[in-house]
N, C-alpha and C. Protein backbone atom coordinates (compact mmCIF):
# COMPACT_ATOMS: atom_id res chain seq x y z
N LYS A 1 20.06 -8.29 51.54
CA LYS A 1 20.95 -8.63 52.64
C LYS A 1 21.94 -7.49 52.88
N GLN A 2 22.49 -6.96 51.78
CA GLN A 2 23.46 -5.87 51.89
C GLN A 2 22.82 -4.65 52.57
N TRP A 3 21.57 -4.35 52.20
CA TRP A 3 20.88 -3.22 52.81
C TRP A 3 20.67 -3.45 54.30
N ALA A 4 20.29 -4.64 54.65
CA ALA A 4 20.07 -4.94 56.06
C ALA A 4 21.36 -4.74 56.85
N LEU A 5 22.48 -5.18 56.30
CA LEU A 5 23.77 -5.02 56.98
C LEU A 5 24.15 -3.55 57.10
N ARG A 6 23.98 -2.78 56.02
CA ARG A 6 24.32 -1.35 56.06
C ARG A 6 23.46 -0.61 57.07
N ARG A 7 22.16 -0.92 57.06
CA ARG A 7 21.25 -0.26 57.98
C ARG A 7 21.59 -0.62 59.42
N GLU A 8 21.83 -1.89 59.68
CA GLU A 8 22.17 -2.35 61.03
C GLU A 8 23.48 -1.71 61.49
N ARG A 9 24.48 -1.66 60.60
CA ARG A 9 25.78 -1.08 60.96
C ARG A 9 25.63 0.41 61.30
N SER A 10 24.85 1.14 60.51
CA SER A 10 24.69 2.57 60.79
C SER A 10 23.97 2.79 62.12
N ARG A 11 22.97 1.95 62.42
CA ARG A 11 22.28 2.07 63.72
C ARG A 11 23.22 1.71 64.86
N TYR A 12 24.06 0.69 64.66
CA TYR A 12 25.03 0.29 65.69
C TYR A 12 26.01 1.42 65.96
N ASP A 13 26.54 2.04 64.88
CA ASP A 13 27.49 3.14 65.05
C ASP A 13 26.86 4.32 65.77
N ALA A 14 25.60 4.62 65.44
CA ALA A 14 24.92 5.73 66.10
C ALA A 14 24.70 5.42 67.58
N GLU A 15 24.32 4.20 67.89
CA GLU A 15 24.11 3.80 69.29
C GLU A 15 25.43 3.82 70.05
N ARG A 16 26.50 3.37 69.42
CA ARG A 16 27.83 3.37 70.06
C ARG A 16 28.27 4.80 70.36
N ALA A 17 28.05 5.71 69.41
CA ALA A 17 28.40 7.11 69.62
C ALA A 17 27.58 7.70 70.77
N ARG A 18 26.31 7.31 70.87
CA ARG A 18 25.48 7.79 71.97
C ARG A 18 25.99 7.29 73.31
N ARG A 19 26.40 6.01 73.36
CA ARG A 19 26.94 5.46 74.61
C ARG A 19 28.23 6.17 75.01
N GLN A 20 29.09 6.44 74.03
CA GLN A 20 30.32 7.18 74.33
C GLN A 20 29.98 8.58 74.83
N TYR A 21 29.02 9.18 74.22
CA TYR A 21 28.59 10.52 74.61
C TYR A 21 28.10 10.51 76.06
N ASP A 22 27.31 9.50 76.41
CA ASP A 22 26.78 9.40 77.76
C ASP A 22 27.84 9.02 78.79
N ALA A 23 28.89 8.31 78.35
CA ALA A 23 29.90 7.79 79.28
C ALA A 23 30.86 8.86 79.79
N VAL A 24 31.04 9.91 79.06
CA VAL A 24 32.01 10.95 79.45
C VAL A 24 31.32 12.30 79.53
N GLU A 25 32.07 13.25 80.00
CA GLU A 25 31.58 14.63 80.03
C GLU A 25 31.24 15.03 78.59
N PRO A 26 30.05 15.61 78.37
CA PRO A 26 29.70 15.98 77.00
C PRO A 26 30.78 16.86 76.37
N ALA A 27 31.33 16.37 75.33
CA ALA A 27 32.38 17.10 74.61
C ALA A 27 31.89 17.39 73.21
N ARG A 28 32.37 18.47 72.70
CA ARG A 28 31.94 18.89 71.38
C ARG A 28 32.21 17.82 70.31
N THR A 29 33.33 17.17 70.38
CA THR A 29 33.67 16.19 69.35
C THR A 29 32.76 14.96 69.41
N LEU A 30 32.47 14.50 70.64
CA LEU A 30 31.60 13.33 70.75
C LEU A 30 30.17 13.67 70.32
N GLU A 31 29.73 14.87 70.68
CA GLU A 31 28.39 15.28 70.29
C GLU A 31 28.29 15.37 68.77
N LYS A 32 29.32 15.94 68.15
CA LYS A 32 29.33 16.05 66.69
C LYS A 32 29.36 14.66 66.05
N ALA A 33 30.17 13.76 66.61
CA ALA A 33 30.25 12.40 66.06
C ALA A 33 28.89 11.71 66.16
N TRP A 34 28.23 11.90 67.28
CA TRP A 34 26.90 11.30 67.47
C TRP A 34 25.92 11.86 66.44
N GLU A 35 25.91 13.18 66.29
CA GLU A 35 25.02 13.81 65.32
C GLU A 35 25.32 13.34 63.91
N ASP A 36 26.61 13.20 63.59
CA ASP A 36 27.00 12.70 62.26
C ASP A 36 26.47 11.29 62.03
N LYS A 37 26.58 10.45 63.05
CA LYS A 37 26.11 9.06 62.92
C LYS A 37 24.58 9.03 62.77
N LEU A 38 23.88 9.88 63.52
CA LEU A 38 22.43 9.95 63.38
C LEU A 38 22.02 10.44 61.99
N ARG A 39 22.76 11.42 61.48
CA ARG A 39 22.50 11.93 60.14
C ARG A 39 22.73 10.82 59.10
N LEU A 40 23.78 10.02 59.31
CA LEU A 40 24.07 8.91 58.40
C LEU A 40 22.96 7.86 58.44
N VAL A 41 22.45 7.58 59.65
CA VAL A 41 21.33 6.64 59.76
C VAL A 41 20.16 7.15 58.93
N ASN A 42 19.85 8.42 59.06
CA ASN A 42 18.74 9.02 58.32
C ASN A 42 18.98 8.93 56.81
N GLU A 43 20.18 9.25 56.36
CA GLU A 43 20.50 9.19 54.93
C GLU A 43 20.37 7.78 54.39
N ILE A 44 20.89 6.80 55.14
CA ILE A 44 20.82 5.41 54.68
C ILE A 44 19.38 4.93 54.65
N GLU A 45 18.58 5.31 55.64
CA GLU A 45 17.16 4.92 55.65
C GLU A 45 16.43 5.52 54.45
N GLN A 46 16.71 6.79 54.13
CA GLN A 46 16.07 7.42 52.97
C GLN A 46 16.52 6.76 51.67
N GLU A 47 17.81 6.48 51.58
CA GLU A 47 18.35 5.80 50.40
C GLU A 47 17.71 4.41 50.25
N TYR A 48 17.56 3.73 51.37
CA TYR A 48 16.93 2.41 51.35
C TYR A 48 15.49 2.51 50.86
N ARG A 49 14.71 3.49 51.33
CA ARG A 49 13.33 3.65 50.89
C ARG A 49 13.26 3.94 49.38
N ARG A 50 14.18 4.77 48.89
CA ARG A 50 14.21 5.04 47.45
C ARG A 50 14.54 3.77 46.66
N TRP A 51 15.48 2.99 47.17
CA TRP A 51 15.86 1.74 46.51
C TRP A 51 14.68 0.77 46.49
N ARG A 52 13.96 0.66 47.63
CA ARG A 52 12.81 -0.25 47.71
C ARG A 52 11.72 0.18 46.73
N ALA A 53 11.57 1.49 46.55
CA ALA A 53 10.54 1.99 45.64
C ALA A 53 10.88 1.64 44.19
N ARG A 54 12.17 1.57 43.86
CA ARG A 54 12.59 1.26 42.49
C ARG A 54 12.62 -0.24 42.22
N GLU A 55 12.94 -1.02 43.22
CA GLU A 55 13.10 -2.47 43.05
C GLU A 55 11.75 -3.17 43.03
N PRO A 56 11.53 -4.02 42.04
CA PRO A 56 10.28 -4.78 42.03
C PRO A 56 10.29 -5.84 43.14
N LEU A 57 9.10 -6.10 43.64
CA LEU A 57 8.96 -7.12 44.68
C LEU A 57 9.06 -8.49 44.03
N VAL A 58 9.96 -9.33 44.55
CA VAL A 58 10.13 -10.68 44.01
C VAL A 58 9.49 -11.66 44.99
N LEU A 59 8.52 -12.39 44.48
CA LEU A 59 7.82 -13.36 45.33
C LEU A 59 8.42 -14.75 45.14
N GLN A 60 8.50 -15.46 46.24
CA GLN A 60 8.90 -16.86 46.18
C GLN A 60 7.71 -17.66 45.63
N ALA A 61 7.97 -18.85 45.15
CA ALA A 61 6.92 -19.68 44.54
C ALA A 61 5.79 -19.96 45.52
N GLN A 62 6.12 -20.24 46.78
CA GLN A 62 5.07 -20.55 47.75
C GLN A 62 4.25 -19.30 48.09
N ASP A 63 4.89 -18.11 48.12
CA ASP A 63 4.14 -16.87 48.35
C ASP A 63 3.19 -16.61 47.18
N HIS A 64 3.68 -16.84 45.97
CA HIS A 64 2.85 -16.64 44.78
C HIS A 64 1.65 -17.58 44.81
N ALA A 65 1.88 -18.83 45.19
CA ALA A 65 0.79 -19.82 45.27
C ALA A 65 -0.22 -19.42 46.34
N ALA A 66 0.27 -18.92 47.48
CA ALA A 66 -0.63 -18.50 48.56
C ALA A 66 -1.49 -17.32 48.12
N LEU A 67 -0.89 -16.36 47.41
CA LEU A 67 -1.65 -15.21 46.90
C LEU A 67 -2.68 -15.65 45.86
N GLN A 68 -2.29 -16.58 45.01
CA GLN A 68 -3.21 -17.09 44.00
C GLN A 68 -4.42 -17.76 44.65
N GLU A 69 -4.16 -18.56 45.68
CA GLU A 69 -5.24 -19.23 46.40
C GLU A 69 -6.16 -18.22 47.08
N LEU A 70 -5.55 -17.19 47.67
CA LEU A 70 -6.33 -16.14 48.33
C LEU A 70 -7.22 -15.42 47.32
N ALA A 71 -6.66 -15.12 46.14
CA ALA A 71 -7.44 -14.43 45.10
C ALA A 71 -8.61 -15.29 44.64
N GLU A 72 -8.39 -16.59 44.53
CA GLU A 72 -9.47 -17.48 44.10
C GLU A 72 -10.56 -17.60 45.16
N ASN A 73 -10.19 -17.44 46.43
CA ASN A 73 -11.14 -17.56 47.53
C ASN A 73 -11.72 -16.22 47.98
N LEU A 74 -11.37 -15.15 47.27
CA LEU A 74 -11.79 -13.81 47.69
C LEU A 74 -13.30 -13.67 47.86
N PRO A 75 -14.13 -14.15 46.94
CA PRO A 75 -15.58 -14.03 47.17
C PRO A 75 -16.05 -14.73 48.44
N ALA A 76 -15.51 -15.90 48.70
CA ALA A 76 -15.90 -16.63 49.92
C ALA A 76 -15.45 -15.88 51.17
N ILE A 77 -14.24 -15.32 51.11
CA ILE A 77 -13.73 -14.55 52.25
C ILE A 77 -14.59 -13.31 52.46
N TRP A 78 -14.91 -12.62 51.37
CA TRP A 78 -15.70 -11.39 51.44
C TRP A 78 -17.08 -11.64 52.06
N HIS A 79 -17.74 -12.72 51.65
CA HIS A 79 -19.11 -12.99 52.11
C HIS A 79 -19.17 -13.80 53.40
N SER A 80 -18.04 -14.18 53.93
CA SER A 80 -18.02 -14.97 55.17
C SER A 80 -18.58 -14.16 56.33
N GLU A 81 -19.32 -14.83 57.20
CA GLU A 81 -19.89 -14.16 58.38
C GLU A 81 -18.80 -13.69 59.34
N THR A 82 -17.65 -14.33 59.28
CA THR A 82 -16.57 -13.97 60.20
C THR A 82 -15.74 -12.78 59.71
N THR A 83 -15.94 -12.37 58.46
CA THR A 83 -15.20 -11.22 57.92
C THR A 83 -15.84 -9.94 58.43
N GLN A 84 -15.06 -9.16 59.14
CA GLN A 84 -15.53 -7.91 59.73
C GLN A 84 -15.49 -6.78 58.70
N PRO A 85 -16.29 -5.72 58.89
CA PRO A 85 -16.24 -4.57 57.97
C PRO A 85 -14.84 -3.98 57.83
N GLU A 86 -14.07 -3.97 58.92
CA GLU A 86 -12.70 -3.44 58.85
C GLU A 86 -11.85 -4.28 57.90
N ASP A 87 -12.08 -5.60 57.92
CA ASP A 87 -11.34 -6.50 57.02
C ASP A 87 -11.72 -6.23 55.57
N ARG A 88 -13.00 -5.99 55.33
CA ARG A 88 -13.44 -5.70 53.97
C ARG A 88 -12.82 -4.39 53.47
N LYS A 89 -12.74 -3.40 54.35
CA LYS A 89 -12.10 -2.13 53.98
C LYS A 89 -10.64 -2.35 53.62
N ARG A 90 -9.94 -3.16 54.41
CA ARG A 90 -8.54 -3.46 54.13
C ARG A 90 -8.38 -4.16 52.79
N ILE A 91 -9.27 -5.10 52.52
CA ILE A 91 -9.21 -5.82 51.25
C ILE A 91 -9.40 -4.84 50.09
N LEU A 92 -10.41 -3.95 50.21
CA LEU A 92 -10.65 -2.97 49.15
C LEU A 92 -9.45 -2.06 48.94
N ARG A 93 -8.87 -1.59 50.02
CA ARG A 93 -7.70 -0.71 49.89
C ARG A 93 -6.52 -1.42 49.25
N PHE A 94 -6.46 -2.72 49.44
CA PHE A 94 -5.37 -3.51 48.87
C PHE A 94 -5.54 -3.72 47.37
N ILE A 95 -6.79 -3.86 46.90
CA ILE A 95 -7.00 -4.19 45.49
C ILE A 95 -7.48 -3.02 44.63
N VAL A 96 -8.04 -1.96 45.25
CA VAL A 96 -8.56 -0.82 44.48
C VAL A 96 -7.67 0.40 44.73
N GLN A 97 -7.24 1.02 43.63
CA GLN A 97 -6.42 2.22 43.75
C GLN A 97 -7.28 3.48 43.82
N GLU A 98 -8.32 3.53 42.95
CA GLU A 98 -9.14 4.74 42.89
C GLU A 98 -10.52 4.41 42.32
N VAL A 99 -11.53 5.14 42.78
CA VAL A 99 -12.89 5.02 42.25
C VAL A 99 -13.35 6.42 41.84
N ILE A 100 -13.83 6.53 40.61
CA ILE A 100 -14.28 7.83 40.10
C ILE A 100 -15.76 7.72 39.77
N LEU A 101 -16.56 8.62 40.34
CA LEU A 101 -18.00 8.67 40.08
C LEU A 101 -18.31 9.87 39.21
N ASP A 102 -19.15 9.68 38.19
CA ASP A 102 -19.55 10.77 37.31
C ASP A 102 -21.07 10.74 37.17
N GLN A 103 -21.74 11.73 37.77
CA GLN A 103 -23.20 11.79 37.73
C GLN A 103 -23.71 12.51 36.49
N LYS A 104 -22.82 13.17 35.77
CA LYS A 104 -23.26 14.00 34.65
C LYS A 104 -23.06 13.35 33.29
N LYS A 105 -22.39 12.22 33.25
CA LYS A 105 -22.09 11.56 31.98
C LYS A 105 -23.38 11.14 31.26
N ILE A 106 -24.24 10.46 31.96
CA ILE A 106 -25.53 10.02 31.40
C ILE A 106 -26.61 10.42 32.40
N ARG A 107 -27.60 11.15 31.92
CA ARG A 107 -28.66 11.64 32.81
C ARG A 107 -29.38 10.46 33.47
N GLY A 108 -29.54 10.56 34.78
CA GLY A 108 -30.26 9.54 35.52
C GLY A 108 -29.41 8.34 35.90
N GLN A 109 -28.13 8.38 35.54
CA GLN A 109 -27.25 7.27 35.88
C GLN A 109 -25.95 7.80 36.47
N VAL A 110 -25.28 6.94 37.20
CA VAL A 110 -23.96 7.27 37.74
C VAL A 110 -22.96 6.35 37.06
N ALA A 111 -21.96 6.96 36.43
CA ALA A 111 -20.89 6.19 35.81
C ALA A 111 -19.82 5.96 36.87
N ILE A 112 -19.41 4.72 37.02
CA ILE A 112 -18.39 4.36 38.01
C ILE A 112 -17.19 3.80 37.27
N ARG A 113 -16.03 4.39 37.53
CA ARG A 113 -14.78 3.89 36.93
C ARG A 113 -13.88 3.46 38.07
N ILE A 114 -13.45 2.19 38.03
CA ILE A 114 -12.59 1.64 39.08
C ILE A 114 -11.21 1.41 38.50
N LEU A 115 -10.20 1.99 39.16
CA LEU A 115 -8.81 1.75 38.79
C LEU A 115 -8.24 0.77 39.81
N TRP A 116 -7.90 -0.42 39.34
CA TRP A 116 -7.39 -1.47 40.22
C TRP A 116 -5.90 -1.29 40.44
N GLN A 117 -5.38 -1.86 41.51
CA GLN A 117 -3.95 -1.76 41.83
C GLN A 117 -3.08 -2.35 40.71
N THR A 118 -3.63 -3.26 39.95
CA THR A 118 -2.87 -3.88 38.85
C THR A 118 -2.72 -2.95 37.66
N GLY A 119 -3.47 -1.83 37.66
CA GLY A 119 -3.45 -0.91 36.53
C GLY A 119 -4.66 -1.10 35.62
N ALA A 120 -5.38 -2.19 35.77
CA ALA A 120 -6.59 -2.43 34.98
C ALA A 120 -7.70 -1.49 35.43
N THR A 121 -8.63 -1.23 34.52
CA THR A 121 -9.79 -0.40 34.88
C THR A 121 -11.06 -1.15 34.50
N SER A 122 -12.13 -0.83 35.21
CA SER A 122 -13.44 -1.35 34.84
C SER A 122 -14.45 -0.22 35.01
N GLU A 123 -15.43 -0.23 34.11
CA GLU A 123 -16.44 0.82 34.15
C GLU A 123 -17.82 0.19 34.30
N HIS A 124 -18.65 0.86 35.10
CA HIS A 124 -19.98 0.35 35.40
C HIS A 124 -20.96 1.52 35.38
N GLN A 125 -22.24 1.20 35.16
CA GLN A 125 -23.30 2.20 35.22
C GLN A 125 -24.35 1.71 36.20
N ILE A 126 -24.83 2.60 37.04
CA ILE A 126 -25.95 2.25 37.90
C ILE A 126 -27.03 3.32 37.76
N GLN A 127 -28.26 2.90 37.92
CA GLN A 127 -29.39 3.81 37.84
C GLN A 127 -29.38 4.72 39.06
N ARG A 128 -29.49 5.99 38.82
CA ARG A 128 -29.50 6.96 39.91
C ARG A 128 -30.93 7.15 40.37
N ARG A 129 -31.11 7.22 41.66
CA ARG A 129 -32.44 7.46 42.21
C ARG A 129 -32.75 8.94 42.07
N LEU A 130 -33.72 9.22 41.25
CA LEU A 130 -34.12 10.62 41.05
C LEU A 130 -35.19 10.96 42.06
N GLN A 131 -34.90 11.94 42.87
CA GLN A 131 -35.87 12.36 43.88
C GLN A 131 -36.51 13.66 43.44
N SER A 132 -37.79 13.69 43.55
CA SER A 132 -38.53 14.88 43.16
C SER A 132 -38.64 15.81 44.37
N TYR A 133 -38.50 17.08 44.09
CA TYR A 133 -38.65 18.06 45.17
C TYR A 133 -40.13 18.38 45.41
N ASP A 134 -40.97 18.00 44.44
CA ASP A 134 -42.40 18.21 44.60
C ASP A 134 -42.95 17.13 45.50
N ARG A 135 -43.56 17.52 46.57
CA ARG A 135 -44.14 16.56 47.52
C ARG A 135 -45.65 16.71 47.52
N ASP A 136 -46.26 15.64 47.79
CA ASP A 136 -47.71 15.65 47.95
C ASP A 136 -48.01 16.36 49.27
N TYR A 137 -48.82 17.40 49.19
CA TYR A 137 -49.10 18.17 50.40
C TYR A 137 -49.82 17.33 51.44
N GLY A 138 -50.53 16.31 51.02
CA GLY A 138 -51.17 15.40 51.96
C GLY A 138 -50.14 14.68 52.82
N GLU A 139 -49.03 14.29 52.20
CA GLU A 139 -47.95 13.64 52.95
C GLU A 139 -47.35 14.61 53.97
N LEU A 140 -47.19 15.87 53.56
CA LEU A 140 -46.62 16.86 54.47
C LEU A 140 -47.52 17.07 55.68
N GLU A 141 -48.82 17.08 55.45
CA GLU A 141 -49.75 17.24 56.57
C GLU A 141 -49.65 16.07 57.53
N LEU A 142 -49.49 14.85 57.00
CA LEU A 142 -49.34 13.67 57.86
C LEU A 142 -48.07 13.78 58.70
N VAL A 143 -47.03 14.27 58.10
CA VAL A 143 -45.76 14.41 58.82
C VAL A 143 -45.89 15.46 59.91
N ARG A 144 -46.61 16.54 59.61
CA ARG A 144 -46.76 17.61 60.60
C ARG A 144 -47.57 17.15 61.80
N GLU A 145 -48.54 16.24 61.59
CA GLU A 145 -49.37 15.75 62.70
C GLU A 145 -48.52 14.90 63.57
């Protein structure tokens, strides 16, 4: 609440200085006052962003319950016909922080390491499709025809 008031007050002061600036012949003092107020708005906004980054997010009980329900229904939401690819991308970006692929760890397999937003990690292995560069010349002739 305090941050909202400080931010609102600084924006109000900057807007008031702009109106004063516009109301009279541009004077050096009014211009400087306006610039000072704009600089203060910028400083308070930056300070607010730093504060938000340090402060943990506090969820209300009903928000926590809604998130819990959403997490429990995630497979149904993911596989729903109404879920668009853009929605699936958003969901992934929300829950996955990073994916690391390693093709050299085990020959013929790809090691996948997923770092979740919670800080947990999971590791998986999938069989890599090995493609041969040697082609049957009969197939090449068919393609050429």
